[in-house]
Amino acid sequence: MSLKSLSRLALITIAVTLFASGCHKELSVGTNRSAPSTAPNAAPDEFAVARETYAKRCSNCHGEKGEGGTGEFEGKKIKGPPFRSGHALKHPDADFVKQIVKGGDGMPAFGDKLSPKEIDDLVRFIRKEFQAGNNPQASPTK
């Protein structure tokens, strides 16, 4: 083959390759139109696990939206106070953690059912979701 023929063959090969890759991109874009797109700026839900934990372990007595209520746990009626108002707004995080771990005042203990991280995340979730970030200072020691 002559140099001229090789040059033409190379140009034809490049043109076919570029054309084929361009068609492939067109096809892939066309076939993905109905596929759901993810928003590029969507932030992951940092409380996704805590939200599930709350729904599973807490909402029965404290209400789906932290409004309080009466629920049943292990056959006992329990009155869960609201997180959005009242004394729950005045307790520091340490009190929440202690209450979740040890229970008391009718609330069952969850220290053997939840990890320390799950409990901390749950307290942060309650503060953010139901108390607009309220975080009272630790109680003064006596």
N, C-alpha and C. Protein backbone atom coordinates (compact mmCIF):
# COMPACT_ATOMS: atom_id res chain seq x y z
N MET A 1 0.84 -1.18 0.00
CA MET A 1 0.00 0.00 0.00
C MET A 1 0.88 1.23 0.00
N SER A 2 0.36 2.22 -0.67
CA SER A 2 1.12 3.47 -0.74
C SER A 2 0.84 4.31 0.51
N LEU A 3 1.68 5.27 0.69
CA LEU A 3 1.54 6.18 1.83
C LEU A 3 0.22 6.94 1.74
N LYS A 4 -0.17 7.28 0.55
CA LYS A 4 -1.42 8.01 0.34
C LYS A 4 -2.61 7.13 0.73
N SER A 5 -2.56 5.86 0.38
CA SER A 5 -3.65 4.93 0.72
C SER A 5 -3.71 4.72 2.23
N LEU A 6 -2.55 4.61 2.89
CA LEU A 6 -2.52 4.43 4.35
C LEU A 6 -3.08 5.67 5.06
N SER A 7 -2.77 6.84 4.54
CA SER A 7 -3.28 8.07 5.14
C SER A 7 -4.81 8.13 5.03
N ARG A 8 -5.32 7.76 3.86
CA ARG A 8 -6.78 7.75 3.67
C ARG A 8 -7.43 6.73 4.60
N LEU A 9 -6.83 5.56 4.72
CA LEU A 9 -7.37 4.52 5.58
C LEU A 9 -7.38 5.00 7.04
N ALA A 10 -6.31 5.66 7.45
CA ALA A 10 -6.24 6.17 8.81
C ALA A 10 -7.30 7.23 9.04
N LEU A 11 -7.49 8.14 8.09
CA LEU A 11 -8.51 9.18 8.22
C LEU A 11 -9.91 8.58 8.26
N ILE A 12 -10.16 7.60 7.45
CA ILE A 12 -11.47 6.94 7.43
C ILE A 12 -11.71 6.24 8.77
N THR A 13 -10.70 5.56 9.29
CA THR A 13 -10.82 4.87 10.58
C THR A 13 -11.12 5.86 11.70
N ILE A 14 -10.43 6.98 11.71
CA ILE A 14 -10.66 8.01 12.73
C ILE A 14 -12.07 8.58 12.59
N ALA A 15 -12.49 8.86 11.36
CA ALA A 15 -13.82 9.42 11.14
C ALA A 15 -14.90 8.45 11.59
N VAL A 16 -14.75 7.17 11.26
CA VAL A 16 -15.74 6.17 11.66
C VAL A 16 -15.78 6.05 13.19
N THR A 17 -14.63 6.05 13.82
CA THR A 17 -14.56 5.96 15.27
C THR A 17 -15.24 7.15 15.93
N LEU A 18 -14.93 8.35 15.45
CA LEU A 18 -15.56 9.55 16.01
C LEU A 18 -17.06 9.54 15.77
N PHE A 19 -17.49 9.16 14.61
CA PHE A 19 -18.91 9.10 14.29
C PHE A 19 -19.61 8.09 15.18
N ALA A 20 -19.00 6.92 15.33
CA ALA A 20 -19.60 5.86 16.14
C ALA A 20 -19.69 6.28 17.60
N SER A 21 -18.66 6.92 18.12
CA SER A 21 -18.71 7.32 19.52
C SER A 21 -19.72 8.44 19.71
N GLY A 22 -19.85 9.32 18.74
CA GLY A 22 -20.86 10.37 18.80
C GLY A 22 -22.26 9.79 18.77
N CYS A 23 -22.50 8.79 17.94
CA CYS A 23 -23.81 8.14 17.89
C CYS A 23 -24.10 7.41 19.19
N HIS A 24 -23.09 6.78 19.76
CA HIS A 24 -23.26 6.06 21.01
C HIS A 24 -23.69 7.01 22.13
N LYS A 25 -23.06 8.19 22.17
CA LYS A 25 -23.42 9.17 23.19
C LYS A 25 -24.85 9.64 22.98
N GLU A 26 -25.23 9.86 21.75
CA GLU A 26 -26.60 10.27 21.46
C GLU A 26 -27.59 9.22 21.92
N LEU A 27 -27.28 7.95 21.64
CA LEU A 27 -28.17 6.88 22.05
C LEU A 27 -28.26 6.77 23.56
N SER A 28 -27.13 6.87 24.24
CA SER A 28 -27.16 6.72 25.68
C SER A 28 -27.90 7.88 26.33
N VAL A 29 -27.76 9.08 25.81
CA VAL A 29 -28.50 10.21 26.35
C VAL A 29 -29.98 10.02 26.09
N GLY A 30 -30.32 9.57 24.89
CA GLY A 30 -31.73 9.37 24.54
C GLY A 30 -32.38 8.29 25.38
N THR A 31 -31.66 7.22 25.69
CA THR A 31 -32.28 6.15 26.45
C THR A 31 -32.36 6.45 27.94
N ASN A 32 -31.60 7.43 28.44
CA ASN A 32 -31.63 7.75 29.86
C ASN A 32 -32.60 8.86 30.20
N ARG A 33 -33.35 9.34 29.24
CA ARG A 33 -34.24 10.46 29.52
C ARG A 33 -35.28 10.13 30.58
N SER A 34 -35.76 8.91 30.61
CA SER A 34 -36.80 8.56 31.58
C SER A 34 -36.23 8.12 32.91
N ALA A 35 -34.92 7.93 32.98
CA ALA A 35 -34.30 7.52 34.24
C ALA A 35 -34.28 8.70 35.21
N PRO A 36 -34.52 8.42 36.50
CA PRO A 36 -34.52 9.52 37.47
C PRO A 36 -33.12 10.12 37.59
N SER A 37 -33.09 11.42 37.70
CA SER A 37 -31.79 12.08 37.85
C SER A 37 -31.62 12.51 39.29
N THR A 38 -30.40 12.49 39.75
CA THR A 38 -30.13 12.95 41.09
C THR A 38 -29.69 14.39 41.02
N ALA A 39 -30.17 15.19 41.93
CA ALA A 39 -29.81 16.59 41.94
C ALA A 39 -28.34 16.71 42.35
N PRO A 40 -27.56 17.45 41.59
CA PRO A 40 -26.13 17.54 41.90
C PRO A 40 -25.85 18.21 43.25
N ASN A 41 -26.74 19.05 43.72
CA ASN A 41 -26.52 19.77 44.97
C ASN A 41 -27.28 19.17 46.14
N ALA A 42 -27.89 18.01 45.98
CA ALA A 42 -28.65 17.41 47.06
C ALA A 42 -27.70 16.91 48.15
N ALA A 43 -27.93 17.38 49.36
CA ALA A 43 -27.07 16.98 50.48
C ALA A 43 -27.64 15.70 51.10
N PRO A 44 -26.79 14.78 51.49
CA PRO A 44 -27.29 13.57 52.12
C PRO A 44 -27.90 13.91 53.48
N ASP A 45 -28.89 13.14 53.89
CA ASP A 45 -29.56 13.34 55.16
C ASP A 45 -28.68 12.80 56.28
N GLU A 46 -28.03 13.69 57.04
CA GLU A 46 -27.14 13.25 58.10
C GLU A 46 -27.89 12.53 59.22
N PHE A 47 -29.21 12.69 59.26
CA PHE A 47 -30.01 12.07 60.31
C PHE A 47 -30.83 10.88 59.82
N ALA A 48 -30.50 10.33 58.67
CA ALA A 48 -31.30 9.24 58.10
C ALA A 48 -31.41 8.05 59.06
N VAL A 49 -30.31 7.63 59.64
CA VAL A 49 -30.33 6.48 60.55
C VAL A 49 -31.07 6.85 61.84
N ALA A 50 -30.79 8.03 62.39
CA ALA A 50 -31.47 8.47 63.61
C ALA A 50 -32.97 8.62 63.36
N ARG A 51 -33.34 9.09 62.19
CA ARG A 51 -34.76 9.23 61.84
C ARG A 51 -35.45 7.86 61.87
N GLU A 52 -34.77 6.85 61.33
CA GLU A 52 -35.32 5.48 61.35
C GLU A 52 -35.39 4.94 62.78
N THR A 53 -34.36 5.20 63.57
CA THR A 53 -34.34 4.76 64.96
C THR A 53 -35.49 5.40 65.72
N TYR A 54 -35.68 6.70 65.53
CA TYR A 54 -36.77 7.41 66.20
C TYR A 54 -38.12 6.82 65.80
N ALA A 55 -38.31 6.59 64.52
CA ALA A 55 -39.59 6.03 64.04
C ALA A 55 -39.85 4.66 64.65
N LYS A 56 -38.80 3.87 64.78
CA LYS A 56 -38.94 2.50 65.29
C LYS A 56 -39.06 2.44 66.81
N ARG A 57 -38.27 3.25 67.51
CA ARG A 57 -38.16 3.12 68.97
C ARG A 57 -38.88 4.19 69.78
N CYS A 58 -39.10 5.36 69.21
CA CYS A 58 -39.56 6.49 70.02
C CYS A 58 -40.93 7.04 69.64
N SER A 59 -41.27 7.01 68.36
CA SER A 59 -42.47 7.70 67.90
C SER A 59 -43.76 7.13 68.48
N ASN A 60 -43.75 5.87 68.88
CA ASN A 60 -44.94 5.26 69.46
C ASN A 60 -45.42 6.03 70.70
N CYS A 61 -44.48 6.50 71.51
CA CYS A 61 -44.84 7.20 72.75
C CYS A 61 -44.65 8.72 72.65
N HIS A 62 -43.64 9.17 71.91
CA HIS A 62 -43.34 10.60 71.84
C HIS A 62 -43.98 11.27 70.63
N GLY A 63 -44.67 10.52 69.80
CA GLY A 63 -45.33 11.08 68.63
C GLY A 63 -44.42 11.13 67.43
N GLU A 64 -45.04 11.02 66.27
CA GLU A 64 -44.30 11.01 65.01
C GLU A 64 -43.49 12.28 64.81
N LYS A 65 -44.02 13.39 65.29
CA LYS A 65 -43.36 14.68 65.11
C LYS A 65 -42.90 15.27 66.44
N GLY A 66 -42.70 14.40 67.45
CA GLY A 66 -42.20 14.85 68.74
C GLY A 66 -43.21 15.60 69.57
N GLU A 67 -44.51 15.45 69.26
CA GLU A 67 -45.55 16.20 69.94
C GLU A 67 -46.01 15.55 71.25
N GLY A 68 -45.48 14.37 71.56
CA GLY A 68 -45.87 13.65 72.77
C GLY A 68 -47.12 12.82 72.54
N GLY A 69 -47.42 11.95 73.48
CA GLY A 69 -48.60 11.13 73.35
C GLY A 69 -48.53 9.94 74.29
N THR A 70 -49.47 9.04 74.09
CA THR A 70 -49.51 7.82 74.89
C THR A 70 -49.33 6.64 73.97
N GLY A 71 -48.41 5.78 74.33
CA GLY A 71 -48.14 4.60 73.53
C GLY A 71 -48.08 3.37 74.39
N GLU A 72 -47.79 2.27 73.77
CA GLU A 72 -47.69 1.02 74.49
C GLU A 72 -46.33 0.39 74.23
N PHE A 73 -45.69 -0.09 75.30
CA PHE A 73 -44.40 -0.75 75.18
C PHE A 73 -44.42 -1.96 76.08
N GLU A 74 -44.20 -3.12 75.50
CA GLU A 74 -44.19 -4.39 76.22
C GLU A 74 -45.44 -4.54 77.08
N GLY A 75 -46.59 -4.19 76.53
CA GLY A 75 -47.87 -4.36 77.21
C GLY A 75 -48.23 -3.28 78.21
N LYS A 76 -47.39 -2.28 78.38
CA LYS A 76 -47.66 -1.20 79.33
C LYS A 76 -47.96 0.09 78.59
N LYS A 77 -48.94 0.85 79.09
CA LYS A 77 -49.24 2.17 78.54
C LYS A 77 -48.20 3.15 79.07
N ILE A 78 -47.64 3.93 78.17
CA ILE A 78 -46.61 4.89 78.54
C ILE A 78 -46.99 6.26 77.97
N LYS A 79 -46.90 7.28 78.83
CA LYS A 79 -47.15 8.64 78.37
C LYS A 79 -45.79 9.27 78.06
N GLY A 80 -45.57 9.54 76.80
CA GLY A 80 -44.31 10.15 76.36
C GLY A 80 -44.45 11.65 76.27
N PRO A 81 -43.61 12.39 76.97
CA PRO A 81 -43.70 13.84 76.91
C PRO A 81 -43.31 14.38 75.53
N PRO A 82 -43.77 15.58 75.22
CA PRO A 82 -43.38 16.20 73.94
C PRO A 82 -41.93 16.67 73.98
N PHE A 83 -41.31 16.69 72.82
CA PHE A 83 -39.96 17.23 72.69
C PHE A 83 -40.01 18.70 72.26
N ARG A 84 -41.15 19.12 71.75
CA ARG A 84 -41.29 20.46 71.18
C ARG A 84 -41.60 21.53 72.22
N SER A 85 -42.01 21.13 73.41
CA SER A 85 -42.40 22.09 74.43
C SER A 85 -42.14 21.51 75.82
N GLY A 86 -42.32 22.35 76.82
CA GLY A 86 -42.21 21.88 78.20
C GLY A 86 -40.79 21.63 78.64
N HIS A 87 -40.68 20.72 79.62
CA HIS A 87 -39.38 20.50 80.28
C HIS A 87 -38.33 19.90 79.34
N ALA A 88 -38.72 19.26 78.27
CA ALA A 88 -37.74 18.68 77.34
C ALA A 88 -36.84 19.74 76.73
N LEU A 89 -37.32 20.96 76.65
CA LEU A 89 -36.53 22.06 76.08
C LEU A 89 -35.45 22.53 77.05
N LYS A 90 -35.59 22.20 78.34
CA LYS A 90 -34.67 22.69 79.36
C LYS A 90 -33.57 21.70 79.72
N HIS A 91 -33.73 20.45 79.35
CA HIS A 91 -32.76 19.42 79.73
C HIS A 91 -31.54 19.46 78.81
N PRO A 92 -30.35 19.37 79.39
CA PRO A 92 -29.14 19.28 78.55
C PRO A 92 -29.05 17.89 77.91
N ASP A 93 -28.19 17.78 76.94
CA ASP A 93 -28.03 16.52 76.22
C ASP A 93 -27.74 15.36 77.15
N ALA A 94 -26.93 15.59 78.17
CA ALA A 94 -26.56 14.52 79.10
C ALA A 94 -27.79 13.92 79.77
N ASP A 95 -28.79 14.75 80.07
CA ASP A 95 -30.04 14.24 80.66
C ASP A 95 -30.79 13.35 79.68
N PHE A 96 -30.82 13.78 78.41
CA PHE A 96 -31.46 12.96 77.38
C PHE A 96 -30.77 11.60 77.27
N VAL A 97 -29.44 11.64 77.20
CA VAL A 97 -28.68 10.40 77.06
C VAL A 97 -28.96 9.48 78.25
N LYS A 98 -28.90 10.02 79.45
CA LYS A 98 -29.14 9.22 80.66
C LYS A 98 -30.55 8.61 80.64
N GLN A 99 -31.54 9.39 80.24
CA GLN A 99 -32.93 8.90 80.18
C GLN A 99 -33.07 7.78 79.16
N ILE A 100 -32.43 7.92 78.02
CA ILE A 100 -32.51 6.89 76.99
C ILE A 100 -31.79 5.62 77.45
N VAL A 101 -30.63 5.78 78.04
CA VAL A 101 -29.83 4.63 78.47
C VAL A 101 -30.50 3.89 79.62
N LYS A 102 -30.88 4.63 80.67
CA LYS A 102 -31.37 3.99 81.89
C LYS A 102 -32.89 3.92 82.01
N GLY A 103 -33.60 4.74 81.24
CA GLY A 103 -35.05 4.78 81.37
C GLY A 103 -35.44 5.51 82.64
N GLY A 104 -36.69 5.30 83.05
CA GLY A 104 -37.20 5.93 84.26
C GLY A 104 -38.41 6.77 83.98
N ASP A 105 -39.20 7.05 85.02
CA ASP A 105 -40.45 7.80 84.89
C ASP A 105 -41.38 7.14 83.87
N GLY A 106 -41.40 5.84 83.86
CA GLY A 106 -42.26 5.09 82.94
C GLY A 106 -41.60 4.73 81.63
N MET A 107 -40.50 5.38 81.29
CA MET A 107 -39.82 5.09 80.03
C MET A 107 -38.91 3.88 80.20
N PRO A 108 -38.95 2.95 79.24
CA PRO A 108 -38.03 1.80 79.33
C PRO A 108 -36.60 2.22 78.99
N ALA A 109 -35.66 1.44 79.46
CA ALA A 109 -34.24 1.67 79.17
C ALA A 109 -33.91 1.14 77.77
N PHE A 110 -33.10 1.89 77.05
CA PHE A 110 -32.67 1.48 75.72
C PHE A 110 -31.15 1.31 75.64
N GLY A 111 -30.47 1.37 76.78
CA GLY A 111 -29.02 1.26 76.80
C GLY A 111 -28.51 -0.06 76.25
N ASP A 112 -29.31 -1.11 76.39
CA ASP A 112 -28.91 -2.42 75.86
C ASP A 112 -29.45 -2.68 74.46
N LYS A 113 -30.21 -1.72 73.92
CA LYS A 113 -30.81 -1.89 72.59
C LYS A 113 -30.18 -0.96 71.55
N LEU A 114 -29.55 0.12 72.02
CA LEU A 114 -28.95 1.11 71.11
C LEU A 114 -27.48 1.33 71.48
N SER A 115 -26.66 1.55 70.48
CA SER A 115 -25.24 1.84 70.72
C SER A 115 -25.09 3.28 71.21
N PRO A 116 -23.97 3.62 71.84
CA PRO A 116 -23.74 5.01 72.25
C PRO A 116 -23.84 5.99 71.07
N LYS A 117 -23.34 5.59 69.91
CA LYS A 117 -23.43 6.46 68.73
C LYS A 117 -24.89 6.66 68.31
N GLU A 118 -25.68 5.58 68.32
CA GLU A 118 -27.10 5.71 67.97
C GLU A 118 -27.82 6.65 68.93
N ILE A 119 -27.48 6.56 70.20
CA ILE A 119 -28.10 7.43 71.20
C ILE A 119 -27.69 8.88 70.99
N ASP A 120 -26.40 9.12 70.78
CA ASP A 120 -25.94 10.49 70.52
C ASP A 120 -26.59 11.07 69.26
N ASP A 121 -26.66 10.26 68.20
CA ASP A 121 -27.29 10.71 66.96
C ASP A 121 -28.78 10.99 67.17
N LEU A 122 -29.42 10.19 68.00
CA LEU A 122 -30.84 10.37 68.30
C LEU A 122 -31.07 11.69 69.04
N VAL A 123 -30.21 12.01 70.00
CA VAL A 123 -30.33 13.28 70.73
C VAL A 123 -30.10 14.45 69.78
N ARG A 124 -29.09 14.37 68.92
CA ARG A 124 -28.86 15.43 67.93
C ARG A 124 -30.05 15.59 67.00
N PHE A 125 -30.65 14.46 66.58
CA PHE A 125 -31.82 14.49 65.71
C PHE A 125 -32.99 15.19 66.41
N ILE A 126 -33.25 14.84 67.65
CA ILE A 126 -34.36 15.45 68.41
C ILE A 126 -34.13 16.95 68.53
N ARG A 127 -32.91 17.34 68.85
CA ARG A 127 -32.61 18.78 68.96
C ARG A 127 -32.86 19.50 67.65
N LYS A 128 -32.39 18.96 66.57
CA LYS A 128 -32.52 19.63 65.26
C LYS A 128 -33.95 19.57 64.73
N GLU A 129 -34.54 18.39 64.76
CA GLU A 129 -35.84 18.17 64.11
C GLU A 129 -37.01 18.74 64.91
N PHE A 130 -36.98 18.60 66.23
CA PHE A 130 -38.14 18.97 67.04
C PHE A 130 -37.92 20.21 67.90
N GLN A 131 -36.67 20.62 68.06
CA GLN A 131 -36.41 21.74 68.96
C GLN A 131 -35.65 22.87 68.28
N ALA A 132 -35.62 22.87 66.98
CA ALA A 132 -34.97 23.93 66.19
C ALA A 132 -33.55 24.22 66.68
N GLY A 133 -32.82 23.16 66.99
CA GLY A 133 -31.42 23.32 67.38
C GLY A 133 -31.21 23.72 68.83
N ASN A 134 -32.29 23.75 69.63
CA ASN A 134 -32.17 24.10 71.06
C ASN A 134 -31.15 23.18 71.72
N ASN A 135 -30.25 23.77 72.49
CA ASN A 135 -29.25 22.97 73.19
C ASN A 135 -28.90 23.69 74.50
N PRO A 136 -29.71 23.47 75.55
CA PRO A 136 -29.44 24.16 76.80
C PRO A 136 -28.09 23.78 77.39
N GLN A 137 -27.53 24.66 78.15
CA GLN A 137 -26.24 24.42 78.80
C GLN A 137 -26.40 23.30 79.82
N ALA A 138 -25.31 22.66 80.14
CA ALA A 138 -25.33 21.61 81.15
C ALA A 138 -25.79 22.18 82.49
N SER A 139 -26.49 21.34 83.23
CA SER A 139 -26.98 21.78 84.55
C SER A 139 -25.79 22.08 85.45
N PRO A 140 -25.86 23.15 86.22
CA PRO A 140 -24.75 23.46 87.13
C PRO A 140 -24.65 22.39 88.22
N THR A 141 -23.45 22.05 88.61
CA THR A 141 -23.26 21.05 89.66
C THR A 141 -23.50 21.69 91.01
N LYS A 142 -24.01 20.92 91.90
CA LYS A 142 -24.33 21.44 93.25
C LYS A 142 -23.25 21.08 94.21
